[in-house]
């Protein structure tokens, strides 16, 4: 089983998703509650445009290991991909309840809050993300966008500048 899991990881990291999925399914067949294999099957589904199938696998991973914050964060991504922002926020909230320093969950929550026009919540989430991971250009960019929406152009310019400094290849920044 460990050999199949390791092969699956190698395939996944090389973007060979069909081979990775085959290996992870072998693991799940031997151990149906293997949270990491279920999680990676969910991520493969997400990365190949099958968000609903990804959601199903991610919920299985959470059932196998409910205390794993990353699984809840991945579920948030699957729900967001399906156009279910409130449910995605709830999943990110679960991830953050398990691990409050999960910067990516804060950043993703900020994106959703901004999309929903809840700019105060978005600012709070992006600021927390940046506090935890100052090098995250996407969080700086998201915060800049929110400040622009709030017509705080000086703050928007400052955070667009920091986003660009962190990722000079980001043409939007």
N, C-alpha and C. Protein backbone atom coordinates (compact mmCIF):
# COMPACT_ATOMS: atom_id res chain seq x y z
N UNK A 1 0.83 -1.19 0.00
CA UNK A 1 0.00 0.00 0.00
C UNK A 1 0.88 1.26 0.00
N UNK A 2 1.93 1.27 0.82
CA UNK A 2 2.82 2.42 0.86
C UNK A 2 3.48 2.65 -0.49
N UNK A 3 3.82 1.58 -1.18
CA UNK A 3 4.44 1.69 -2.50
C UNK A 3 3.47 2.35 -3.49
N UNK A 4 2.22 1.92 -3.46
CA UNK A 4 1.21 2.53 -4.34
C UNK A 4 1.01 4.00 -4.00
N UNK A 5 0.99 4.31 -2.71
CA UNK A 5 0.81 5.70 -2.30
C UNK A 5 1.98 6.56 -2.78
N UNK A 6 3.19 6.07 -2.58
CA UNK A 6 4.39 6.80 -3.03
C UNK A 6 4.37 6.99 -4.55
N UNK A 7 4.00 5.95 -5.29
CA UNK A 7 3.90 6.09 -6.75
C UNK A 7 2.86 7.15 -7.11
N UNK A 8 1.74 7.13 -6.39
CA UNK A 8 0.70 8.12 -6.64
C UNK A 8 1.20 9.53 -6.42
N UNK A 9 1.95 9.73 -5.35
CA UNK A 9 2.52 11.06 -5.07
C UNK A 9 3.47 11.48 -6.20
N UNK A 10 4.33 10.57 -6.61
CA UNK A 10 5.26 10.89 -7.70
C UNK A 10 4.51 11.28 -8.97
N UNK A 11 3.48 10.53 -9.31
CA UNK A 11 2.68 10.84 -10.50
C UNK A 11 1.97 12.18 -10.33
N UNK A 12 1.41 12.41 -9.15
CA UNK A 12 0.68 13.66 -8.89
C UNK A 12 1.61 14.86 -9.06
N UNK A 13 2.79 14.77 -8.47
CA UNK A 13 3.74 15.89 -8.55
C UNK A 13 4.21 16.14 -9.98
N UNK A 14 4.15 15.12 -10.82
CA UNK A 14 4.53 15.26 -12.23
C UNK A 14 3.33 15.56 -13.12
N UNK A 15 2.18 15.86 -12.50
CA UNK A 15 0.94 16.17 -13.24
C UNK A 15 0.47 15.01 -14.10
N UNK A 16 0.78 13.80 -13.73
CA UNK A 16 0.27 12.60 -14.41
C UNK A 16 -0.93 12.11 -13.60
N UNK A 17 -2.05 12.82 -13.77
CA UNK A 17 -3.19 12.63 -12.88
C UNK A 17 -3.88 11.28 -13.06
N UNK A 18 -3.95 10.77 -14.27
CA UNK A 18 -4.58 9.45 -14.46
C UNK A 18 -3.81 8.37 -13.73
N UNK A 19 -2.49 8.39 -13.86
CA UNK A 19 -1.65 7.40 -13.18
C UNK A 19 -1.72 7.59 -11.67
N UNK A 20 -1.71 8.84 -11.23
CA UNK A 20 -1.80 9.11 -9.79
C UNK A 20 -3.12 8.58 -9.24
N UNK A 21 -4.21 8.88 -9.94
CA UNK A 21 -5.53 8.43 -9.47
C UNK A 21 -5.58 6.91 -9.39
N UNK A 22 -5.00 6.25 -10.37
CA UNK A 22 -4.98 4.78 -10.36
C UNK A 22 -4.28 4.27 -9.10
N UNK A 23 -3.14 4.85 -8.78
CA UNK A 23 -2.38 4.44 -7.59
C UNK A 23 -3.16 4.73 -6.31
N UNK A 24 -3.78 5.90 -6.22
CA UNK A 24 -4.52 6.25 -5.01
C UNK A 24 -5.78 5.39 -4.85
N UNK A 25 -6.41 5.04 -5.97
CA UNK A 25 -7.57 4.14 -5.88
C UNK A 25 -7.16 2.76 -5.34
N UNK A 26 -5.97 2.30 -5.71
CA UNK A 26 -5.47 1.03 -5.17
C UNK A 26 -5.32 1.13 -3.65
N UNK A 27 -4.81 2.27 -3.19
CA UNK A 27 -4.63 2.47 -1.76
C UNK A 27 -5.99 2.46 -1.06
N UNK A 28 -6.96 3.18 -1.62
CA UNK A 28 -8.29 3.27 -1.01
C UNK A 28 -8.99 1.91 -1.03
N UNK A 29 -8.72 1.13 -2.05
CA UNK A 29 -9.31 -0.21 -2.10
C UNK A 29 -8.79 -1.06 -0.93
N UNK A 30 -7.52 -0.90 -0.59
CA UNK A 30 -6.93 -1.65 0.52
C UNK A 30 -7.29 -1.05 1.87
N UNK A 31 -7.40 0.27 1.91
CA UNK A 31 -7.73 0.97 3.16
C UNK A 31 -8.72 2.08 2.83
N UNK A 32 -10.03 1.78 2.89
CA UNK A 32 -11.06 2.73 2.46
C UNK A 32 -11.04 4.08 3.19
N UNK A 33 -10.49 4.14 4.38
CA UNK A 33 -10.47 5.39 5.14
C UNK A 33 -9.08 6.03 5.13
N UNK A 34 -8.33 5.85 4.04
CA UNK A 34 -7.00 6.47 3.92
C UNK A 34 -7.21 7.93 3.51
N UNK A 35 -7.19 8.80 4.53
CA UNK A 35 -7.51 10.21 4.31
C UNK A 35 -6.65 10.89 3.26
N UNK A 36 -5.35 10.63 3.28
CA UNK A 36 -4.48 11.32 2.33
C UNK A 36 -4.75 10.88 0.89
N UNK A 37 -4.99 9.60 0.68
CA UNK A 37 -5.30 9.12 -0.67
C UNK A 37 -6.63 9.70 -1.15
N UNK A 38 -7.62 9.72 -0.26
CA UNK A 38 -8.93 10.30 -0.62
C UNK A 38 -8.79 11.79 -0.94
N UNK A 39 -8.01 12.49 -0.11
CA UNK A 39 -7.78 13.92 -0.33
C UNK A 39 -7.13 14.17 -1.69
N UNK A 40 -6.11 13.39 -2.01
CA UNK A 40 -5.43 13.58 -3.28
C UNK A 40 -6.32 13.20 -4.46
N UNK A 41 -7.17 12.21 -4.30
CA UNK A 41 -8.16 11.91 -5.36
C UNK A 41 -9.10 13.10 -5.55
N UNK A 42 -9.46 13.74 -4.45
CA UNK A 42 -10.29 14.94 -4.54
C UNK A 42 -9.58 16.08 -5.25
N UNK A 43 -8.31 16.27 -4.95
CA UNK A 43 -7.54 17.33 -5.61
C UNK A 43 -7.38 17.05 -7.10
N UNK A 44 -7.16 15.78 -7.43
CA UNK A 44 -7.05 15.42 -8.85
C UNK A 44 -8.35 15.75 -9.57
N UNK A 45 -9.47 15.42 -8.96
CA UNK A 45 -10.76 15.74 -9.57
C UNK A 45 -10.90 17.25 -9.76
N UNK A 46 -10.52 18.02 -8.76
CA UNK A 46 -10.59 19.48 -8.88
C UNK A 46 -9.70 19.99 -10.01
N UNK A 47 -8.49 19.48 -10.06
CA UNK A 47 -7.54 19.97 -11.07
C UNK A 47 -7.90 19.54 -12.48
N UNK A 48 -8.79 18.57 -12.60
CA UNK A 48 -9.21 18.11 -13.93
C UNK A 48 -10.64 18.54 -14.24
N UNK A 49 -11.12 19.56 -13.52
CA UNK A 49 -12.42 20.15 -13.83
C UNK A 49 -13.63 19.37 -13.36
N UNK A 50 -13.45 18.52 -12.37
CA UNK A 50 -14.55 17.71 -11.85
C UNK A 50 -14.80 18.06 -10.38
N UNK A 51 -15.27 19.28 -10.15
CA UNK A 51 -15.41 19.78 -8.78
C UNK A 51 -16.40 18.97 -7.95
N UNK A 52 -17.48 18.51 -8.56
CA UNK A 52 -18.47 17.72 -7.80
C UNK A 52 -17.85 16.40 -7.33
N UNK A 53 -17.13 15.71 -8.20
CA UNK A 53 -16.45 14.47 -7.81
C UNK A 53 -15.38 14.78 -6.76
N UNK A 54 -14.71 15.91 -6.91
CA UNK A 54 -13.71 16.32 -5.92
C UNK A 54 -14.35 16.55 -4.56
N UNK A 55 -15.50 17.21 -4.57
CA UNK A 55 -16.21 17.43 -3.31
C UNK A 55 -16.52 16.09 -2.61
N UNK A 56 -17.00 15.13 -3.39
CA UNK A 56 -17.35 13.83 -2.81
C UNK A 56 -16.13 13.18 -2.16
N UNK A 57 -15.01 13.17 -2.86
CA UNK A 57 -13.80 12.56 -2.32
C UNK A 57 -13.28 13.34 -1.10
N UNK A 58 -13.38 14.65 -1.15
CA UNK A 58 -12.91 15.46 -0.03
C UNK A 58 -13.77 15.25 1.21
N UNK A 59 -15.06 15.09 1.01
CA UNK A 59 -15.93 14.78 2.15
C UNK A 59 -15.59 13.41 2.73
N UNK A 60 -15.20 12.46 1.88
CA UNK A 60 -14.76 11.16 2.38
C UNK A 60 -13.46 11.31 3.18
N UNK A 61 -12.55 12.13 2.71
CA UNK A 61 -11.30 12.36 3.43
C UNK A 61 -11.57 12.98 4.80
N UNK A 62 -12.49 13.94 4.84
CA UNK A 62 -12.85 14.59 6.11
C UNK A 62 -13.50 13.58 7.04
N UNK A 63 -14.34 12.71 6.52
CA UNK A 63 -14.95 11.68 7.36
C UNK A 63 -13.87 10.76 7.95
N UNK A 64 -12.83 10.50 7.18
CA UNK A 64 -11.75 9.63 7.64
C UNK A 64 -10.85 10.34 8.66
N UNK A 65 -10.68 11.64 8.50
CA UNK A 65 -9.78 12.40 9.39
C UNK A 65 -10.34 13.80 9.57
N UNK A 66 -11.38 13.96 10.40
CA UNK A 66 -12.06 15.26 10.52
C UNK A 66 -11.19 16.38 11.09
N UNK A 67 -10.11 16.06 11.73
CA UNK A 67 -9.26 17.08 12.32
C UNK A 67 -8.17 17.61 11.41
N UNK A 68 -8.22 17.25 10.14
CA UNK A 68 -7.16 17.67 9.20
C UNK A 68 -7.60 18.95 8.49
N UNK A 69 -7.01 20.07 8.88
CA UNK A 69 -7.42 21.38 8.36
C UNK A 69 -7.28 21.50 6.85
N UNK A 70 -6.28 20.88 6.27
CA UNK A 70 -6.06 20.99 4.82
C UNK A 70 -7.24 20.40 4.05
N UNK A 71 -7.80 19.30 4.56
CA UNK A 71 -8.94 18.67 3.87
C UNK A 71 -10.12 19.64 3.81
N UNK A 72 -10.36 20.35 4.91
CA UNK A 72 -11.46 21.32 4.94
C UNK A 72 -11.19 22.47 3.97
N UNK A 73 -9.93 22.90 3.91
CA UNK A 73 -9.57 23.96 2.97
C UNK A 73 -9.78 23.53 1.53
N UNK A 74 -9.42 22.30 1.22
CA UNK A 74 -9.63 21.79 -0.14
C UNK A 74 -11.11 21.68 -0.46
N UNK A 75 -11.91 21.29 0.54
CA UNK A 75 -13.36 21.25 0.34
C UNK A 75 -13.88 22.65 0.01
N UNK A 76 -13.35 23.65 0.70
CA UNK A 76 -13.73 25.03 0.39
C UNK A 76 -13.47 25.37 -1.07
N UNK A 77 -12.33 24.93 -1.59
CA UNK A 77 -12.00 25.19 -2.99
C UNK A 77 -13.00 24.49 -3.92
N UNK A 78 -13.37 23.25 -3.59
CA UNK A 78 -14.32 22.51 -4.43
C UNK A 78 -15.68 23.19 -4.43
N UNK A 79 -16.11 23.66 -3.27
CA UNK A 79 -17.41 24.32 -3.17
C UNK A 79 -17.40 25.66 -3.89
N UNK A 80 -16.31 26.38 -3.76
CA UNK A 80 -16.20 27.67 -4.47
C UNK A 80 -16.23 27.45 -5.97
N UNK A 81 -15.54 26.42 -6.43
CA UNK A 81 -15.51 26.10 -7.86
C UNK A 81 -16.91 25.80 -8.39
N UNK A 82 -17.76 25.29 -7.54
CA UNK A 82 -19.13 24.97 -7.94
C UNK A 82 -20.09 26.15 -7.77
N UNK A 83 -19.57 27.31 -7.39
CA UNK A 83 -20.42 28.48 -7.24
C UNK A 83 -21.24 28.45 -5.96
N UNK A 84 -20.67 27.89 -4.90
CA UNK A 84 -21.35 27.80 -3.61
C UNK A 84 -20.51 28.54 -2.55
N UNK A 85 -20.48 29.88 -2.65
CA UNK A 85 -19.55 30.65 -1.81
C UNK A 85 -19.81 30.56 -0.31
N UNK A 86 -21.05 30.56 0.10
CA UNK A 86 -21.33 30.50 1.54
C UNK A 86 -20.88 29.17 2.13
N UNK A 87 -21.10 28.09 1.39
CA UNK A 87 -20.64 26.78 1.86
C UNK A 87 -19.12 26.72 1.86
N UNK A 88 -18.50 27.35 0.87
CA UNK A 88 -17.04 27.40 0.82
C UNK A 88 -16.50 28.16 2.03
N UNK A 89 -17.13 29.27 2.37
CA UNK A 89 -16.70 30.03 3.55
C UNK A 89 -16.83 29.19 4.81
N UNK A 90 -17.90 28.40 4.90
CA UNK A 90 -18.08 27.53 6.07
C UNK A 90 -16.95 26.50 6.13
N UNK A 91 -16.57 25.94 4.99
CA UNK A 91 -15.48 24.96 4.97
C UNK A 91 -14.16 25.61 5.38
N UNK A 92 -13.89 26.81 4.86
CA UNK A 92 -12.68 27.52 5.28
C UNK A 92 -12.74 27.85 6.77
N UNK A 93 -13.93 28.19 7.26
CA UNK A 93 -14.10 28.45 8.69
C UNK A 93 -13.76 27.22 9.52
N UNK A 94 -14.17 26.04 9.05
CA UNK A 94 -13.80 24.80 9.74
C UNK A 94 -12.29 24.61 9.74
N UNK A 95 -11.68 24.87 8.61
CA UNK A 95 -10.21 24.75 8.52
C UNK A 95 -9.54 25.69 9.52
N UNK A 96 -10.05 26.92 9.59
CA UNK A 96 -9.44 27.90 10.49
C UNK A 96 -9.74 27.60 11.95
N UNK A 97 -10.87 26.97 12.23
CA UNK A 97 -11.16 26.55 13.60
C UNK A 97 -10.16 25.49 14.05
N UNK A 98 -9.72 24.67 13.10
CA UNK A 98 -8.74 23.63 13.41
C UNK A 98 -7.33 24.19 13.49
N UNK A 99 -7.07 25.18 12.64
CA UNK A 99 -5.72 25.76 12.61
C UNK A 99 -5.83 27.22 12.16
N UNK A 100 -5.81 28.10 13.13
CA UNK A 100 -6.01 29.52 12.87
C UNK A 100 -4.90 30.19 12.08
N UNK A 101 -3.76 29.52 11.96
CA UNK A 101 -2.65 30.13 11.21
C UNK A 101 -2.55 29.59 9.78
N UNK A 102 -3.66 29.11 9.27
CA UNK A 102 -3.71 28.55 7.90
C UNK A 102 -3.93 29.72 6.94
N UNK A 103 -2.82 30.31 6.49
CA UNK A 103 -2.85 31.54 5.69
C UNK A 103 -3.68 31.39 4.42
N UNK A 104 -3.58 30.25 3.75
CA UNK A 104 -4.31 30.07 2.49
C UNK A 104 -5.82 30.12 2.72
N UNK A 105 -6.28 29.59 3.84
CA UNK A 105 -7.72 29.65 4.13
C UNK A 105 -8.16 31.10 4.37
N UNK A 106 -7.31 31.87 5.03
CA UNK A 106 -7.63 33.29 5.22
C UNK A 106 -7.68 34.01 3.86
N UNK A 107 -6.70 33.72 3.01
CA UNK A 107 -6.67 34.38 1.70
C UNK A 107 -7.90 34.00 0.87
N UNK A 108 -8.24 32.72 0.83
CA UNK A 108 -9.40 32.28 0.06
C UNK A 108 -10.69 32.85 0.62
N UNK A 109 -10.78 32.93 1.94
CA UNK A 109 -11.96 33.55 2.56
C UNK A 109 -12.05 35.02 2.15
N UNK A 110 -10.91 35.69 2.12
CA UNK A 110 -10.89 37.09 1.68
C UNK A 110 -11.39 37.25 0.26
N UNK A 111 -10.97 36.34 -0.62
CA UNK A 111 -11.42 36.40 -2.02
C UNK A 111 -12.94 36.25 -2.11
N UNK A 112 -13.47 35.29 -1.38
CA UNK A 112 -14.92 35.05 -1.43
C UNK A 112 -15.67 36.24 -0.84
N UNK A 113 -15.20 36.73 0.30
CA UNK A 113 -15.87 37.89 0.92
C UNK A 113 -15.85 39.09 -0.03
N UNK A 114 -14.74 39.30 -0.73
CA UNK A 114 -14.66 40.39 -1.70
C UNK A 114 -15.64 40.16 -2.84
N UNK A 115 -15.69 38.92 -3.34
CA UNK A 115 -16.63 38.60 -4.42
C UNK A 115 -18.07 38.87 -4.01
N UNK A 116 -18.36 38.67 -2.73
CA UNK A 116 -19.72 38.88 -2.22
C UNK A 116 -19.97 40.34 -1.84
N UNK A 117 -18.96 41.18 -1.99
CA UNK A 117 -19.11 42.60 -1.68
C UNK A 117 -19.04 42.90 -0.19
N UNK A 118 -18.56 41.97 0.59
CA UNK A 118 -18.42 42.17 2.04
C UNK A 118 -16.98 42.58 2.31
N UNK A 119 -16.72 43.85 2.02
CA UNK A 119 -15.35 44.34 1.98
C UNK A 119 -14.69 44.41 3.35
N UNK A 120 -15.44 44.72 4.41
CA UNK A 120 -14.83 44.75 5.74
C UNK A 120 -14.32 43.36 6.12
N UNK A 121 -15.13 42.34 5.86
CA UNK A 121 -14.70 40.96 6.14
C UNK A 121 -13.51 40.58 5.27
N UNK A 122 -13.53 41.03 4.02
CA UNK A 122 -12.42 40.72 3.10
C UNK A 122 -11.12 41.35 3.60
N UNK A 123 -11.18 42.60 4.02
CA UNK A 123 -9.98 43.28 4.53
C UNK A 123 -9.41 42.50 5.71
N UNK A 124 -10.27 42.14 6.64
CA UNK A 124 -9.82 41.39 7.82
C UNK A 124 -9.13 40.09 7.41
N UNK A 125 -9.75 39.36 6.49
CA UNK A 125 -9.19 38.07 6.06
C UNK A 125 -7.86 38.25 5.34
N UNK A 126 -7.80 39.21 4.41
CA UNK A 126 -6.54 39.43 3.68
C UNK A 126 -5.44 39.91 4.62
N UNK A 127 -5.77 40.77 5.57
CA UNK A 127 -4.76 41.24 6.51
C UNK A 127 -4.20 40.08 7.34
N UNK A 128 -5.09 39.20 7.77
CA UNK A 128 -4.64 38.03 8.54
C UNK A 128 -3.75 37.14 7.68
N UNK A 129 -4.14 36.94 6.41
CA UNK A 129 -3.33 36.14 5.50
C UNK A 129 -1.93 36.73 5.34
N UNK A 130 -1.87 38.04 5.15
CA UNK A 130 -0.59 38.72 4.97
C UNK A 130 0.24 38.67 6.25
N UNK A 131 -0.42 38.81 7.38
CA UNK A 131 0.29 38.71 8.66
C UNK A 131 0.96 37.33 8.80
N UNK A 132 0.26 36.29 8.36
CA UNK A 132 0.78 34.93 8.47
C UNK A 132 1.78 34.58 7.37
N UNK A 133 1.57 35.17 6.18
CA UNK A 133 2.45 34.88 5.05
C UNK A 133 2.70 36.17 4.27
N UNK A 134 3.64 36.98 4.74
CA UNK A 134 3.87 38.29 4.11
C UNK A 134 4.30 38.21 2.65
N UNK A 135 4.74 37.06 2.19
CA UNK A 135 5.23 36.91 0.81
C UNK A 135 4.14 36.50 -0.18
N UNK A 136 2.90 36.41 0.27
CA UNK A 136 1.81 35.97 -0.59
C UNK A 136 1.30 37.13 -1.45
N UNK A 137 1.78 37.17 -2.69
CA UNK A 137 1.41 38.27 -3.60
C UNK A 137 -0.08 38.30 -3.85
N UNK A 138 -0.73 37.14 -3.91
CA UNK A 138 -2.17 37.11 -4.18
C UNK A 138 -2.97 37.78 -3.06
N UNK A 139 -2.53 37.62 -1.82
CA UNK A 139 -3.22 38.27 -0.71
C UNK A 139 -3.03 39.79 -0.78
N UNK A 140 -1.83 40.24 -1.12
CA UNK A 140 -1.59 41.67 -1.29
C UNK A 140 -2.47 42.22 -2.42
N UNK A 141 -2.52 41.48 -3.52
CA UNK A 141 -3.34 41.91 -4.66
C UNK A 141 -4.82 41.97 -4.27
N UNK A 142 -5.29 40.94 -3.58
CA UNK A 142 -6.69 40.91 -3.15
C UNK A 142 -7.02 42.08 -2.24
N UNK A 143 -6.13 42.36 -1.30
CA UNK A 143 -6.35 43.49 -0.40
C UNK A 143 -6.34 44.81 -1.17
N UNK A 144 -5.43 44.93 -2.13
CA UNK A 144 -5.40 46.14 -2.96
C UNK A 144 -6.72 46.33 -3.70
N UNK A 145 -7.23 45.25 -4.26
CA UNK A 145 -8.51 45.32 -4.98
C UNK A 145 -9.64 45.79 -4.06
N UNK A 146 -9.68 45.24 -2.87
CA UNK A 146 -10.73 45.61 -1.92
C UNK A 146 -10.61 47.09 -1.55
N UNK A 147 -9.38 47.54 -1.29
CA UNK A 147 -9.21 48.96 -0.98
C UNK A 147 -9.63 49.83 -2.16
N UNK A 148 -9.37 49.38 -3.36
CA UNK A 148 -9.84 50.12 -4.53
C UNK A 148 -11.35 50.19 -4.59
N UNK A 149 -12.01 49.08 -4.30
CA UNK A 149 -13.48 49.06 -4.27
C UNK A 149 -14.02 50.01 -3.21
N UNK A 150 -13.29 50.16 -2.12
CA UNK A 150 -13.70 51.06 -1.03
C UNK A 150 -13.25 52.50 -1.28
N UNK A 151 -12.62 52.73 -2.42
CA UNK A 151 -12.12 54.04 -2.83
C UNK A 151 -11.06 54.59 -1.89
N UNK A 152 -10.31 53.69 -1.27
CA UNK A 152 -9.14 54.07 -0.50
C UNK A 152 -7.95 53.83 -1.43
N UNK A 153 -7.75 54.78 -2.33
CA UNK A 153 -6.80 54.59 -3.42
C UNK A 153 -5.34 54.59 -2.96
N UNK A 154 -5.04 55.30 -1.88
CA UNK A 154 -3.66 55.30 -1.37
C UNK A 154 -3.31 53.89 -0.86
N UNK A 155 -4.22 53.28 -0.11
CA UNK A 155 -3.97 51.92 0.40
C UNK A 155 -3.95 50.93 -0.77
N UNK A 156 -4.84 51.12 -1.73
CA UNK A 156 -4.87 50.23 -2.90
C UNK A 156 -3.53 50.29 -3.63
N UNK A 157 -3.04 51.51 -3.86
CA UNK A 157 -1.76 51.66 -4.57
C UNK A 157 -0.62 50.99 -3.79
N UNK A 158 -0.63 51.16 -2.47
CA UNK A 158 0.43 50.56 -1.65
C UNK A 158 0.43 49.03 -1.79
N UNK A 159 -0.76 48.42 -1.73
CA UNK A 159 -0.82 46.96 -1.79
C UNK A 159 -0.66 46.43 -3.22
N UNK A 160 -1.08 47.19 -4.23
CA UNK A 160 -0.76 46.78 -5.60
C UNK A 160 0.76 46.80 -5.79
N UNK A 161 1.40 47.82 -5.22
CA UNK A 161 2.86 47.90 -5.31
C UNK A 161 3.55 46.73 -4.63
N UNK A 162 3.04 46.36 -3.46
CA UNK A 162 3.68 45.22 -2.77
C UNK A 162 3.39 43.92 -3.51
N UNK A 163 2.21 43.79 -4.10
CA UNK A 163 1.90 42.59 -4.89
C UNK A 163 2.85 42.50 -6.08
N UNK A 164 3.07 43.63 -6.75
CA UNK A 164 3.97 43.65 -7.90
C UNK A 164 5.41 43.35 -7.49
N UNK A 165 5.83 43.93 -6.35
CA UNK A 165 7.19 43.68 -5.87
C UNK A 165 7.40 42.20 -5.56
N UNK A 166 6.37 41.56 -5.02
CA UNK A 166 6.47 40.13 -4.70
C UNK A 166 6.39 39.24 -5.93
N UNK A 167 5.64 39.70 -6.94
CA UNK A 167 5.48 38.91 -8.16
C UNK A 167 5.52 39.84 -9.37
N UNK A 168 6.73 40.23 -9.80
CA UNK A 168 6.85 41.17 -10.92
C UNK A 168 6.24 40.68 -12.23
N UNK A 169 6.00 39.39 -12.34
CA UNK A 169 5.38 38.85 -13.54
C UNK A 169 3.87 38.95 -13.56
N UNK A 170 3.29 39.46 -12.49
CA UNK A 170 1.82 39.59 -12.41
C UNK A 170 1.41 40.86 -13.13
N UNK A 171 0.94 40.71 -14.36
CA UNK A 171 0.62 41.89 -15.17
C UNK A 171 -0.55 42.66 -14.58
N UNK A 172 -1.45 42.02 -13.86
CA UNK A 172 -2.58 42.74 -13.26
C UNK A 172 -2.11 43.71 -12.18
N UNK A 173 -1.17 43.26 -11.35
CA UNK A 173 -0.65 44.14 -10.30
C UNK A 173 0.07 45.32 -10.92
